[in-house]
């Protein structure tokens, strides 16, 4: 080896092995990258855990509100039957005389207060006569064959239906039109055909 080569090897070290400072720098760089990756991983896990907690909180709040609404609907549904009976009884109040009519007027005021309470919970009745039958809103308890009315039209309402917001609390009990199974024959027209 020449003197120049020996001098160069002394200054730079052997050509095959990098200087010690470079090895330490590389090791430090790798350790730093590992630490940064680990921090990123923990941050990701932390953010996911926060999101899960927030979603759980929202779900529990929603479930609580749904449970309250179901409980309120149940209580309201139980009160609708006695309200129907009181309403039916008070339909004939105008025929009463004397003190009984005064009592009936008092009960009419109480009935109005009940309706105000229902309204405060967004509970409203809905009319069904003349509407097309909807199984979400109506319960058919009778069917009447009619050729002069579109099939599925509600002909009579036995009990009013009630909704709480967009949900049905109690479906209306109704009579629905149905097309006759056999054609209705006009007896006079048939007799005229037979006579001719």
Foldseek 3Di string as FASTA:
>chain_A
DDPVVVVVCVVQNDPVDHDPVVVVVVVVVVVVVVVVVVVVVVVVVVVVVVVVVVVVVVVVVVVVVVVVVVVVLVVVLVVQVVLVVLVVVLVCLVVDDDPSNVVSVVSVVVSVVVVVVCVVQQKDWDDQAQHFDDVQAADEPAEDADPVDDFRGFHDWPAIWMARVPHTSGHTYTYTYDHDPDDDDDPVVVVVVVVD
